[in-house]
């Protein structure tokens, strides 16, 4: 795997490659959802949330519009249109020395978009139980 987890992330998103998440996520990865108030701890649950997000957000309008990258973290701003609603958000990603993601936090706006994503992600996660 590449030492640049953000480059790998972009490749996975572009390809819709859910299977590639296994190699990118650390065993102790933590996912912070914009609609669930408690952190989701562990590789399996983080993978589950990110896999659902690939399906919910993965359409031709999805694009990253800005990227700020440090030594061990990055903030990626994205835009996507879902069901006629413009969704704007950021993925805040931290990784370890091995280049594996240890924390993934998603923030969304506006409220109408948050409500829509909450509904769609809940349905996707429920379907994949």
Protein backbone atom coordinates (compact mmCIF):
# COMPACT_ATOMS: atom_id res chain seq x y z
CA UNK A 1 0.00 0.00 0.00
CA UNK A 2 1.10 3.55 -0.67
CA UNK A 3 2.58 5.63 2.15
CA UNK A 4 0.13 8.34 1.12
CA UNK A 5 -3.23 7.33 2.59
CA UNK A 6 -5.00 10.30 0.99
CA UNK A 7 -3.89 9.22 -2.49
CA UNK A 8 -5.15 5.72 -1.71
CA UNK A 9 -8.42 7.18 -0.35
CA UNK A 10 -8.96 9.15 -3.58
CA UNK A 11 -8.36 5.98 -5.63
CA UNK A 12 -10.87 4.00 -3.55
CA UNK A 13 -13.51 6.73 -3.79
CA UNK A 14 -13.04 7.11 -7.54
CA UNK A 15 -13.32 3.35 -8.10
CA UNK A 16 -16.02 2.82 -5.47
CA UNK A 17 -13.69 0.14 -4.08
CA UNK A 18 -15.20 -0.88 -0.74
CA UNK A 19 -12.89 -3.92 -0.50
CA UNK A 20 -9.85 -1.62 -0.54
CA UNK A 21 -10.94 -0.12 2.77
CA UNK A 22 -9.66 -3.21 4.60
CA UNK A 23 -6.03 -2.40 3.78
CA UNK A 24 -6.44 1.32 4.48
CA UNK A 25 -8.09 1.21 7.91
CA UNK A 26 -6.21 0.58 11.16
CA UNK A 27 -7.69 -2.05 13.49
CA UNK A 28 -8.44 0.67 16.06
CA UNK A 29 -9.98 3.11 13.55
CA UNK A 30 -12.69 5.44 14.87
CA UNK A 31 -15.52 6.86 12.78
CA UNK A 32 -17.32 10.08 13.77
CA UNK A 33 -20.68 10.40 12.03
CA UNK A 34 -22.41 13.75 11.56
CA UNK A 35 -25.62 12.23 12.93
CA UNK A 36 -24.48 9.72 15.59
CA UNK A 37 -23.29 11.38 18.78
CA UNK A 38 -20.96 8.58 19.91
CA UNK A 39 -17.77 7.61 18.10
CA UNK A 40 -17.94 4.29 16.26
CA UNK A 41 -14.83 2.39 17.37
CA UNK A 42 -13.07 -0.35 15.46
CA UNK A 43 -12.15 -1.28 11.92
CA UNK A 44 -15.31 -3.31 11.23
CA UNK A 45 -17.80 -0.57 12.15
CA UNK A 46 -15.70 2.14 10.49
CA UNK A 47 -15.61 0.05 7.30
CA UNK A 48 -19.38 -0.46 7.52
CA UNK A 49 -20.05 3.30 7.73
CA UNK A 50 -17.60 4.14 4.96
CA UNK A 51 -18.98 1.39 2.71
CA UNK A 52 -22.50 2.77 3.21
CA UNK A 53 -21.19 6.27 2.43
CA UNK A 54 -19.67 5.01 -0.83
CA UNK A 55 -23.18 3.97 -1.89
CA UNK A 56 -25.02 7.04 -0.61
CA UNK A 57 -22.54 9.65 -1.88
CA UNK A 58 -21.21 7.75 -4.89
CA UNK A 59 -22.77 9.46 -7.86
CA UNK A 60 -21.40 11.42 -10.82
CA UNK A 61 -21.80 14.77 -9.03
CA UNK A 62 -19.51 13.86 -6.09
CA UNK A 63 -16.23 15.76 -6.09
CA UNK A 64 -13.62 16.98 -3.67
CA UNK A 65 -13.25 20.74 -4.05
CA UNK A 66 -10.50 21.52 -1.54
CA UNK A 67 -7.82 19.63 0.33
CA UNK A 68 -5.65 20.62 3.28
CA UNK A 69 -3.00 18.06 4.19
CA UNK A 70 -0.57 17.82 7.08
CA UNK A 71 1.96 15.17 8.10
CA UNK A 72 -0.63 12.87 9.67
CA UNK A 73 -3.99 14.37 8.83
CA UNK A 74 -6.06 15.93 6.08
CA UNK A 75 -9.30 17.80 5.59
CA UNK A 76 -11.08 17.14 2.31
CA UNK A 77 -14.04 19.37 1.40
CA UNK A 78 -16.61 17.78 -0.88
CA UNK A 79 -19.80 18.62 -2.75
CA UNK A 80 -22.46 16.30 -4.10
CA UNK A 81 -26.08 16.53 -5.18
CA UNK A 82 -28.44 13.86 -3.85
CA UNK A 83 -32.16 13.84 -4.60
CA UNK A 84 -31.95 17.46 -5.75
CA UNK A 85 -30.30 18.63 -2.53
CA UNK A 86 -26.83 20.16 -2.60
CA UNK A 87 -24.68 18.58 0.11
CA UNK A 88 -21.46 20.25 1.27
CA UNK A 89 -19.16 18.61 3.78
CA UNK A 90 -15.70 17.74 4.96
CA UNK A 91 -13.90 14.49 5.64
CA UNK A 92 -11.35 14.93 8.44
CA UNK A 93 -8.88 12.06 8.27
CA UNK A 94 -5.98 11.08 10.58
CA UNK A 95 -3.52 8.25 9.99
CA UNK A 96 -0.71 6.47 11.81
CA UNK A 97 2.96 5.83 10.95
CA UNK A 98 1.96 2.83 8.83
CA UNK A 99 -0.27 5.03 6.67
CA UNK A 100 -3.47 3.46 7.99
CA UNK A 101 -6.48 5.60 8.86
CA UNK A 102 -7.06 5.82 12.61
CA UNK A 103 -9.79 8.46 12.63
CA UNK A 104 -12.40 9.52 10.08
CA UNK A 105 -14.77 12.37 10.91
CA UNK A 106 -17.52 13.66 8.62
CA UNK A 107 -19.20 17.05 8.93
CA UNK A 108 -22.10 18.16 6.71
CA UNK A 109 -24.20 21.20 5.86
CA UNK A 110 -26.88 22.52 5.42
CA UNK A 111 -29.45 21.04 7.82
CA UNK A 112 -31.62 19.81 4.94
CA UNK A 113 -28.62 17.83 3.68
CA UNK A 114 -27.85 16.45 7.15
CA UNK A 115 -31.42 15.18 7.47
CA UNK A 116 -31.31 13.60 4.00
CA UNK A 117 -27.97 11.87 4.62
CA UNK A 118 -29.17 10.66 8.02
CA UNK A 119 -32.18 9.02 6.37
CA UNK A 120 -30.19 7.46 3.50
CA UNK A 121 -27.29 6.23 5.67
CA UNK A 122 -29.70 4.71 8.21
CA UNK A 123 -31.49 2.84 5.41
CA UNK A 124 -28.20 1.61 3.92
CA UNK A 125 -26.78 0.49 7.28
CA UNK A 126 -30.05 -1.26 8.18
CA UNK A 127 -30.10 -3.07 4.82
CA UNK A 128 -26.53 -4.32 5.35
CA UNK A 129 -27.06 -5.83 8.81
